[in-house]
Amino acid sequence: MRRLFSAAFAYMLVGVASGLFYREFTKVNDFPEGEATQLGLVHTHLLTLGFVVLLIVLLLEKAFALSESRLFSWFFWLYNAGLVLTSAMMVWHGCLTVLGQESSSMIAGIAGMGHILLSAGMVLLFLALRKRLFAAAPATPAIPASAV
């Protein structure tokens, strides 16, 4: 549970910092206001996919003890690796755009791998949640026919 809290807190800090970086980096480089760049999306991706999603998973952990499933650890590391990889490629692509340089298809490919890791992590989260939901369901005692 502490791992989830720490990760959510870290994503909140990095998400807010990425918004500040976006504003200052575009200002310093005289990037036209309103022009499209990936840097503007990093802030919301980190806050939503990192901070908010992990806080929701923290609540699910508290309610259903998700970490008791072996799948949960796989979810945690795959999901975080995917989010870090995707966000890093967004920052790289966005910086190149602001600096007026061409982006390569390599960046898109690596970002795609990050999205695949995010998706695999989400599938593992749902599998772990399903396992714990049905394990946590209290067994209803059968009433013998003679008792009625």
N, C-alpha and C. Protein backbone atom coordinates (compact mmCIF):
# COMPACT_ATOMS: atom_id res chain seq x y z
N MET A 1 0.82 -1.19 0.00
CA MET A 1 0.00 0.00 0.00
C MET A 1 0.87 1.26 0.00
N ARG A 2 1.97 1.21 0.71
CA ARG A 2 2.89 2.34 0.76
C ARG A 2 3.49 2.62 -0.62
N ARG A 3 3.74 1.54 -1.37
CA ARG A 3 4.28 1.67 -2.72
C ARG A 3 3.32 2.45 -3.62
N LEU A 4 2.04 2.12 -3.54
CA LEU A 4 1.03 2.82 -4.34
C LEU A 4 0.95 4.30 -3.95
N PHE A 5 0.94 4.56 -2.65
CA PHE A 5 0.88 5.93 -2.17
C PHE A 5 2.09 6.73 -2.65
N SER A 6 3.27 6.15 -2.52
CA SER A 6 4.50 6.84 -2.93
C SER A 6 4.52 7.11 -4.43
N ALA A 7 4.09 6.13 -5.20
CA ALA A 7 4.06 6.30 -6.65
C ALA A 7 3.05 7.38 -7.05
N ALA A 8 1.87 7.36 -6.44
CA ALA A 8 0.85 8.37 -6.75
C ALA A 8 1.37 9.77 -6.40
N PHE A 9 2.01 9.88 -5.25
CA PHE A 9 2.56 11.17 -4.83
C PHE A 9 3.66 11.64 -5.79
N ALA A 10 4.51 10.72 -6.21
CA ALA A 10 5.58 11.07 -7.16
C ALA A 10 4.99 11.55 -8.49
N TYR A 11 3.96 10.86 -8.98
CA TYR A 11 3.32 11.28 -10.23
C TYR A 11 2.65 12.64 -10.08
N MET A 12 2.11 12.93 -8.91
CA MET A 12 1.52 14.24 -8.69
C MET A 12 2.59 15.33 -8.79
N LEU A 13 3.72 15.09 -8.13
CA LEU A 13 4.81 16.07 -8.17
C LEU A 13 5.36 16.26 -9.59
N VAL A 14 5.63 15.15 -10.26
CA VAL A 14 6.19 15.21 -11.62
C VAL A 14 5.16 15.80 -12.59
N GLY A 15 3.88 15.49 -12.40
CA GLY A 15 2.84 16.04 -13.26
C GLY A 15 2.75 17.54 -13.15
N VAL A 16 2.76 18.05 -11.93
CA VAL A 16 2.72 19.50 -11.73
C VAL A 16 4.00 20.14 -12.28
N ALA A 17 5.14 19.52 -12.04
CA ALA A 17 6.41 20.05 -12.54
C ALA A 17 6.45 20.06 -14.07
N SER A 18 5.84 19.05 -14.70
CA SER A 18 5.84 19.01 -16.17
C SER A 18 5.00 20.13 -16.75
N GLY A 19 3.94 20.53 -16.05
CA GLY A 19 3.16 21.68 -16.50
C GLY A 19 3.98 22.96 -16.43
N LEU A 20 4.74 23.10 -15.36
CA LEU A 20 5.62 24.26 -15.21
C LEU A 20 6.70 24.25 -16.28
N PHE A 21 7.29 23.07 -16.54
CA PHE A 21 8.32 22.95 -17.57
C PHE A 21 7.76 23.34 -18.94
N TYR A 22 6.57 22.86 -19.24
CA TYR A 22 5.93 23.18 -20.53
C TYR A 22 5.79 24.69 -20.70
N ARG A 23 5.26 25.34 -19.68
CA ARG A 23 5.05 26.78 -19.77
C ARG A 23 6.36 27.53 -19.94
N GLU A 24 7.35 27.19 -19.12
CA GLU A 24 8.62 27.92 -19.16
C GLU A 24 9.45 27.60 -20.40
N PHE A 25 9.47 26.33 -20.81
CA PHE A 25 10.27 25.92 -21.97
C PHE A 25 9.74 26.56 -23.25
N THR A 26 8.43 26.61 -23.39
CA THR A 26 7.86 27.23 -24.59
C THR A 26 8.06 28.75 -24.56
N LYS A 27 8.01 29.34 -23.37
CA LYS A 27 8.21 30.79 -23.25
C LYS A 27 9.66 31.17 -23.59
N VAL A 28 10.61 30.43 -23.04
CA VAL A 28 12.03 30.71 -23.25
C VAL A 28 12.41 30.56 -24.73
N ASN A 29 11.78 29.62 -25.41
CA ASN A 29 12.11 29.35 -26.81
C ASN A 29 11.19 30.08 -27.79
N ASP A 30 10.41 31.04 -27.30
CA ASP A 30 9.50 31.84 -28.13
C ASP A 30 8.61 30.98 -29.01
N PHE A 31 8.09 29.91 -28.43
CA PHE A 31 7.17 29.03 -29.16
C PHE A 31 5.81 29.71 -29.21
N PRO A 32 5.20 29.77 -30.41
CA PRO A 32 3.91 30.48 -30.53
C PRO A 32 2.84 29.89 -29.61
N GLU A 33 2.15 30.77 -28.89
CA GLU A 33 1.10 30.32 -27.97
C GLU A 33 -0.04 29.70 -28.76
N GLY A 34 -0.51 28.57 -28.28
CA GLY A 34 -1.61 27.87 -28.95
C GLY A 34 -1.15 26.86 -29.99
N GLU A 35 0.13 26.87 -30.33
CA GLU A 35 0.69 25.90 -31.28
C GLU A 35 0.75 24.52 -30.62
N ALA A 36 0.47 23.49 -31.38
CA ALA A 36 0.41 22.13 -30.84
C ALA A 36 1.80 21.57 -30.54
N THR A 37 1.92 20.98 -29.37
CA THR A 37 3.13 20.26 -28.97
C THR A 37 2.75 19.21 -27.94
N GLN A 38 3.47 18.11 -27.93
CA GLN A 38 3.22 17.05 -26.97
C GLN A 38 3.49 17.47 -25.53
N LEU A 39 4.29 18.49 -25.35
CA LEU A 39 4.62 18.95 -23.99
C LEU A 39 3.38 19.35 -23.21
N GLY A 40 2.40 19.90 -23.89
CA GLY A 40 1.18 20.33 -23.21
C GLY A 40 0.34 19.18 -22.70
N LEU A 41 0.57 17.99 -23.23
CA LEU A 41 -0.22 16.82 -22.83
C LEU A 41 0.43 16.00 -21.72
N VAL A 42 1.70 16.20 -21.49
CA VAL A 42 2.42 15.41 -20.48
C VAL A 42 1.83 15.67 -19.09
N HIS A 43 1.54 16.92 -18.81
CA HIS A 43 0.98 17.33 -17.53
C HIS A 43 -0.29 16.53 -17.20
N THR A 44 -1.24 16.51 -18.12
CA THR A 44 -2.50 15.82 -17.86
C THR A 44 -2.33 14.30 -17.86
N HIS A 45 -1.45 13.78 -18.70
CA HIS A 45 -1.22 12.33 -18.70
C HIS A 45 -0.66 11.86 -17.36
N LEU A 46 0.32 12.57 -16.85
CA LEU A 46 0.93 12.17 -15.58
C LEU A 46 -0.04 12.32 -14.41
N LEU A 47 -0.79 13.41 -14.41
CA LEU A 47 -1.73 13.60 -13.31
C LEU A 47 -2.88 12.59 -13.37
N THR A 48 -3.39 12.32 -14.56
CA THR A 48 -4.53 11.41 -14.66
C THR A 48 -4.10 9.95 -14.57
N LEU A 49 -3.18 9.54 -15.46
CA LEU A 49 -2.77 8.13 -15.50
C LEU A 49 -1.88 7.74 -14.32
N GLY A 50 -1.16 8.69 -13.77
CA GLY A 50 -0.30 8.38 -12.64
C GLY A 50 -0.98 8.66 -11.32
N PHE A 51 -1.23 9.91 -11.04
CA PHE A 51 -1.77 10.32 -9.75
C PHE A 51 -3.18 9.78 -9.50
N VAL A 52 -4.12 10.09 -10.37
CA VAL A 52 -5.53 9.72 -10.14
C VAL A 52 -5.73 8.21 -10.20
N VAL A 53 -5.21 7.57 -11.24
CA VAL A 53 -5.41 6.12 -11.38
C VAL A 53 -4.80 5.38 -10.19
N LEU A 54 -3.61 5.76 -9.78
CA LEU A 54 -2.99 5.05 -8.65
C LEU A 54 -3.70 5.33 -7.33
N LEU A 55 -4.31 6.51 -7.19
CA LEU A 55 -5.12 6.74 -5.99
C LEU A 55 -6.36 5.85 -5.99
N ILE A 56 -6.96 5.65 -7.15
CA ILE A 56 -8.11 4.74 -7.26
C ILE A 56 -7.67 3.31 -6.95
N VAL A 57 -6.53 2.91 -7.48
CA VAL A 57 -6.02 1.57 -7.20
C VAL A 57 -5.70 1.43 -5.70
N LEU A 58 -5.23 2.51 -5.08
CA LEU A 58 -4.97 2.49 -3.64
C LEU A 58 -6.27 2.22 -2.86
N LEU A 59 -7.36 2.84 -3.28
CA LEU A 59 -8.66 2.58 -2.64
C LEU A 59 -9.10 1.13 -2.87
N LEU A 60 -8.87 0.63 -4.08
CA LEU A 60 -9.21 -0.77 -4.36
C LEU A 60 -8.35 -1.72 -3.52
N GLU A 61 -7.09 -1.37 -3.34
CA GLU A 61 -6.19 -2.17 -2.49
C GLU A 61 -6.72 -2.20 -1.06
N LYS A 62 -7.14 -1.06 -0.58
CA LYS A 62 -7.65 -0.97 0.80
C LYS A 62 -8.91 -1.82 0.97
N ALA A 63 -9.77 -1.82 -0.06
CA ALA A 63 -11.04 -2.54 0.04
C ALA A 63 -10.92 -4.03 -0.24
N PHE A 64 -10.05 -4.41 -1.18
CA PHE A 64 -10.02 -5.79 -1.65
C PHE A 64 -8.68 -6.50 -1.49
N ALA A 65 -7.69 -5.85 -0.89
CA ALA A 65 -6.36 -6.45 -0.71
C ALA A 65 -5.81 -7.01 -2.01
N LEU A 66 -5.77 -6.15 -3.03
CA LEU A 66 -5.29 -6.56 -4.36
C LEU A 66 -3.88 -7.12 -4.34
N SER A 67 -3.06 -6.62 -3.45
CA SER A 67 -1.66 -7.03 -3.44
C SER A 67 -1.48 -8.48 -3.03
N GLU A 68 -2.53 -9.11 -2.55
CA GLU A 68 -2.44 -10.53 -2.23
C GLU A 68 -2.42 -11.40 -3.49
N SER A 69 -2.80 -10.82 -4.61
CA SER A 69 -2.73 -11.53 -5.88
C SER A 69 -1.33 -11.35 -6.47
N ARG A 70 -0.77 -12.43 -7.01
CA ARG A 70 0.56 -12.34 -7.64
C ARG A 70 0.52 -11.41 -8.84
N LEU A 71 -0.63 -11.27 -9.46
CA LEU A 71 -0.76 -10.41 -10.64
C LEU A 71 -0.58 -8.94 -10.30
N PHE A 72 -0.84 -8.57 -9.07
CA PHE A 72 -0.78 -7.16 -8.70
C PHE A 72 0.62 -6.58 -8.87
N SER A 73 1.62 -7.32 -8.46
CA SER A 73 2.99 -6.84 -8.59
C SER A 73 3.34 -6.65 -10.07
N TRP A 74 2.90 -7.59 -10.90
CA TRP A 74 3.12 -7.45 -12.35
C TRP A 74 2.42 -6.20 -12.88
N PHE A 75 1.18 -5.99 -12.43
CA PHE A 75 0.46 -4.78 -12.84
C PHE A 75 1.26 -3.54 -12.47
N PHE A 76 1.68 -3.47 -11.21
CA PHE A 76 2.33 -2.26 -10.72
C PHE A 76 3.56 -1.91 -11.54
N TRP A 77 4.43 -2.87 -11.78
CA TRP A 77 5.67 -2.58 -12.48
C TRP A 77 5.46 -2.36 -13.98
N LEU A 78 4.60 -3.14 -14.61
CA LEU A 78 4.33 -2.93 -16.05
C LEU A 78 3.65 -1.59 -16.28
N TYR A 79 2.67 -1.29 -15.47
CA TYR A 79 1.93 -0.03 -15.63
C TYR A 79 2.86 1.17 -15.45
N ASN A 80 3.66 1.15 -14.41
CA ASN A 80 4.57 2.27 -14.16
C ASN A 80 5.64 2.38 -15.25
N ALA A 81 6.16 1.25 -15.70
CA ALA A 81 7.14 1.29 -16.79
C ALA A 81 6.51 1.89 -18.04
N GLY A 82 5.28 1.49 -18.33
CA GLY A 82 4.58 2.03 -19.50
C GLY A 82 4.33 3.51 -19.39
N LEU A 83 3.93 3.96 -18.21
CA LEU A 83 3.64 5.38 -18.04
C LEU A 83 4.91 6.22 -18.12
N VAL A 84 5.97 5.75 -17.52
CA VAL A 84 7.25 6.48 -17.58
C VAL A 84 7.76 6.53 -19.02
N LEU A 85 7.72 5.40 -19.71
CA LEU A 85 8.20 5.35 -21.10
C LEU A 85 7.37 6.26 -22.00
N THR A 86 6.06 6.18 -21.89
CA THR A 86 5.18 7.01 -22.71
C THR A 86 5.40 8.48 -22.42
N SER A 87 5.46 8.85 -21.15
CA SER A 87 5.65 10.25 -20.78
C SER A 87 7.00 10.78 -21.24
N ALA A 88 8.03 9.96 -21.11
CA ALA A 88 9.37 10.39 -21.54
C ALA A 88 9.40 10.65 -23.04
N MET A 89 8.74 9.81 -23.81
CA MET A 89 8.70 10.01 -25.27
C MET A 89 7.88 11.25 -25.62
N MET A 90 6.83 11.53 -24.85
CA MET A 90 6.05 12.74 -25.08
C MET A 90 6.89 13.98 -24.82
N VAL A 91 7.69 13.94 -23.75
CA VAL A 91 8.56 15.08 -23.44
C VAL A 91 9.60 15.25 -24.54
N TRP A 92 10.22 14.15 -24.97
CA TRP A 92 11.24 14.21 -26.02
C TRP A 92 10.64 14.77 -27.31
N HIS A 93 9.51 14.23 -27.73
CA HIS A 93 8.85 14.68 -28.95
C HIS A 93 8.45 16.15 -28.83
N GLY A 94 7.90 16.52 -27.67
CA GLY A 94 7.48 17.90 -27.46
C GLY A 94 8.65 18.88 -27.48
N CYS A 95 9.76 18.50 -26.87
CA CYS A 95 10.94 19.37 -26.88
C CYS A 95 11.46 19.57 -28.30
N LEU A 96 11.48 18.49 -29.08
CA LEU A 96 11.92 18.61 -30.47
C LEU A 96 11.00 19.54 -31.25
N THR A 97 9.70 19.44 -31.02
CA THR A 97 8.74 20.32 -31.70
C THR A 97 8.99 21.78 -31.35
N VAL A 98 9.16 22.07 -30.06
CA VAL A 98 9.39 23.44 -29.61
C VAL A 98 10.69 23.98 -30.20
N LEU A 99 11.71 23.12 -30.30
CA LEU A 99 13.00 23.55 -30.84
C LEU A 99 13.02 23.59 -32.35
N GLY A 100 11.93 23.19 -32.99
CA GLY A 100 11.83 23.23 -34.45
C GLY A 100 12.55 22.11 -35.15
N GLN A 101 12.79 21.01 -34.46
CA GLN A 101 13.48 19.87 -35.06
C GLN A 101 12.49 18.77 -35.40
N GLU A 102 12.88 17.94 -36.34
CA GLU A 102 12.04 16.82 -36.76
C GLU A 102 12.09 15.69 -35.74
N SER A 103 10.97 15.06 -35.55
CA SER A 103 10.89 13.89 -34.69
C SER A 103 11.06 12.65 -35.56
N SER A 104 11.57 11.59 -34.97
CA SER A 104 11.77 10.37 -35.74
C SER A 104 10.68 9.36 -35.42
N SER A 105 10.54 8.37 -36.28
CA SER A 105 9.55 7.32 -36.04
C SER A 105 9.97 6.45 -34.87
N MET A 106 11.24 6.51 -34.49
CA MET A 106 11.71 5.76 -33.32
C MET A 106 10.98 6.22 -32.06
N ILE A 107 10.76 7.53 -31.93
CA ILE A 107 10.07 8.06 -30.76
C ILE A 107 8.65 7.53 -30.71
N ALA A 108 7.98 7.52 -31.86
CA ALA A 108 6.62 6.99 -31.92
C ALA A 108 6.59 5.50 -31.59
N GLY A 109 7.57 4.76 -32.05
CA GLY A 109 7.63 3.33 -31.76
C GLY A 109 7.85 3.04 -30.29
N ILE A 110 8.73 3.80 -29.66
CA ILE A 110 8.98 3.60 -28.23
C ILE A 110 7.76 4.02 -27.43
N ALA A 111 7.11 5.12 -27.82
CA ALA A 111 5.88 5.53 -27.15
C ALA A 111 4.80 4.46 -27.31
N GLY A 112 4.76 3.82 -28.47
CA GLY A 112 3.81 2.73 -28.69
C GLY A 112 4.08 1.57 -27.76
N MET A 113 5.35 1.27 -27.53
CA MET A 113 5.70 0.21 -26.57
C MET A 113 5.23 0.59 -25.17
N GLY A 114 5.35 1.86 -24.83
CA GLY A 114 4.87 2.33 -23.54
C GLY A 114 3.37 2.15 -23.41
N HIS A 115 2.63 2.44 -24.49
CA HIS A 115 1.18 2.24 -24.47
C HIS A 115 0.82 0.76 -24.34
N ILE A 116 1.59 -0.08 -24.96
CA ILE A 116 1.35 -1.53 -24.84
C ILE A 116 1.56 -1.97 -23.39
N LEU A 117 2.61 -1.47 -22.75
CA LEU A 117 2.85 -1.80 -21.34
C LEU A 117 1.73 -1.28 -20.44
N LEU A 118 1.26 -0.07 -20.73
CA LEU A 118 0.13 0.47 -19.97
C LEU A 118 -1.10 -0.42 -20.11
N SER A 119 -1.38 -0.84 -21.33
CA SER A 119 -2.54 -1.70 -21.59
C SER A 119 -2.40 -3.04 -20.90
N ALA A 120 -1.22 -3.64 -20.99
CA ALA A 120 -0.99 -4.93 -20.33
C ALA A 120 -1.15 -4.78 -18.82
N GLY A 121 -0.66 -3.67 -18.27
CA GLY A 121 -0.81 -3.41 -16.85
C GLY A 121 -2.27 -3.30 -16.45
N MET A 122 -3.08 -2.64 -17.26
CA MET A 122 -4.50 -2.51 -16.95
C MET A 122 -5.22 -3.86 -17.00
N VAL A 123 -4.86 -4.68 -17.97
CA VAL A 123 -5.45 -6.02 -18.05
C VAL A 123 -5.10 -6.81 -16.78
N LEU A 124 -3.85 -6.73 -16.35
CA LEU A 124 -3.43 -7.43 -15.13
C LEU A 124 -4.14 -6.89 -13.90
N LEU A 125 -4.37 -5.58 -13.87
CA LEU A 125 -5.12 -5.00 -12.75
C LEU A 125 -6.52 -5.59 -12.68
N PHE A 126 -7.19 -5.68 -13.82
CA PHE A 126 -8.54 -6.23 -13.83
C PHE A 126 -8.56 -7.71 -13.48
N LEU A 127 -7.55 -8.43 -13.91
CA LEU A 127 -7.47 -9.86 -13.54
C LEU A 127 -7.26 -10.01 -12.03
N ALA A 128 -6.38 -9.19 -11.47
CA ALA A 128 -6.15 -9.24 -10.02
C ALA A 128 -7.40 -8.82 -9.26
N LEU A 129 -8.09 -7.80 -9.77
CA LEU A 129 -9.31 -7.33 -9.12
C LEU A 129 -10.39 -8.40 -9.17
N ARG A 130 -10.54 -9.05 -10.31
CA ARG A 130 -11.54 -10.12 -10.44
C ARG A 130 -11.25 -11.25 -9.45
N LYS A 131 -9.98 -11.61 -9.37
CA LYS A 131 -9.58 -12.69 -8.46
C LYS A 131 -9.92 -12.33 -7.01
N ARG A 132 -9.62 -11.10 -6.61
CA ARG A 132 -9.86 -10.68 -5.23
C ARG A 132 -11.34 -10.41 -4.97
N LEU A 133 -12.07 -9.93 -5.95
CA LEU A 133 -13.50 -9.68 -5.76
C LEU A 133 -14.24 -10.96 -5.42
N PHE A 134 -13.96 -12.00 -6.19
CA PHE A 134 -14.66 -13.25 -5.97
C PHE A 134 -14.10 -14.00 -4.76
N ALA A 135 -12.85 -13.74 -4.41
CA ALA A 135 -12.28 -14.35 -3.21
C ALA A 135 -12.84 -13.67 -1.97
N ALA A 136 -13.15 -12.37 -2.07
CA ALA A 136 -13.63 -11.61 -0.93
C ALA A 136 -15.13 -11.79 -0.71
N ALA A 137 -15.83 -12.37 -1.68
CA ALA A 137 -17.28 -12.53 -1.54
C ALA A 137 -17.56 -13.55 -0.43
N PRO A 138 -18.32 -13.17 0.57
CA PRO A 138 -18.63 -14.11 1.64
C PRO A 138 -19.52 -15.22 1.12
N ALA A 139 -19.23 -16.40 1.55
CA ALA A 139 -20.03 -17.55 1.15
C ALA A 139 -21.37 -17.50 1.86
N THR A 140 -22.45 -17.65 1.10
CA THR A 140 -23.77 -17.65 1.72
C THR A 140 -24.09 -19.06 2.18
N PRO A 141 -24.42 -19.19 3.42
CA PRO A 141 -24.69 -20.54 3.92
C PRO A 141 -25.97 -21.09 3.29
N ALA A 142 -25.88 -22.33 2.89
CA ALA A 142 -27.05 -23.01 2.31
C ALA A 142 -27.99 -23.40 3.45
N ILE A 143 -29.25 -23.14 3.27
CA ILE A 143 -30.25 -23.49 4.28
C ILE A 143 -30.79 -24.87 3.92
N PRO A 144 -30.64 -25.81 4.84
CA PRO A 144 -31.14 -27.15 4.53
C PRO A 144 -32.67 -27.13 4.38
N ALA A 145 -33.18 -27.98 3.53
CA ALA A 145 -34.61 -28.05 3.25
C ALA A 145 -35.40 -28.43 4.50
N SER A 146 -34.82 -29.20 5.40
CA SER A 146 -35.52 -29.62 6.63
C SER A 146 -35.70 -28.46 7.61
N ALA A 147 -34.90 -27.39 7.49
CA ALA A 147 -34.99 -26.25 8.39
C ALA A 147 -36.14 -25.34 8.03
N VAL A 148 -36.69 -25.48 6.81
CA VAL A 148 -37.76 -24.60 6.35
C VAL A 148 -39.07 -25.05 6.81
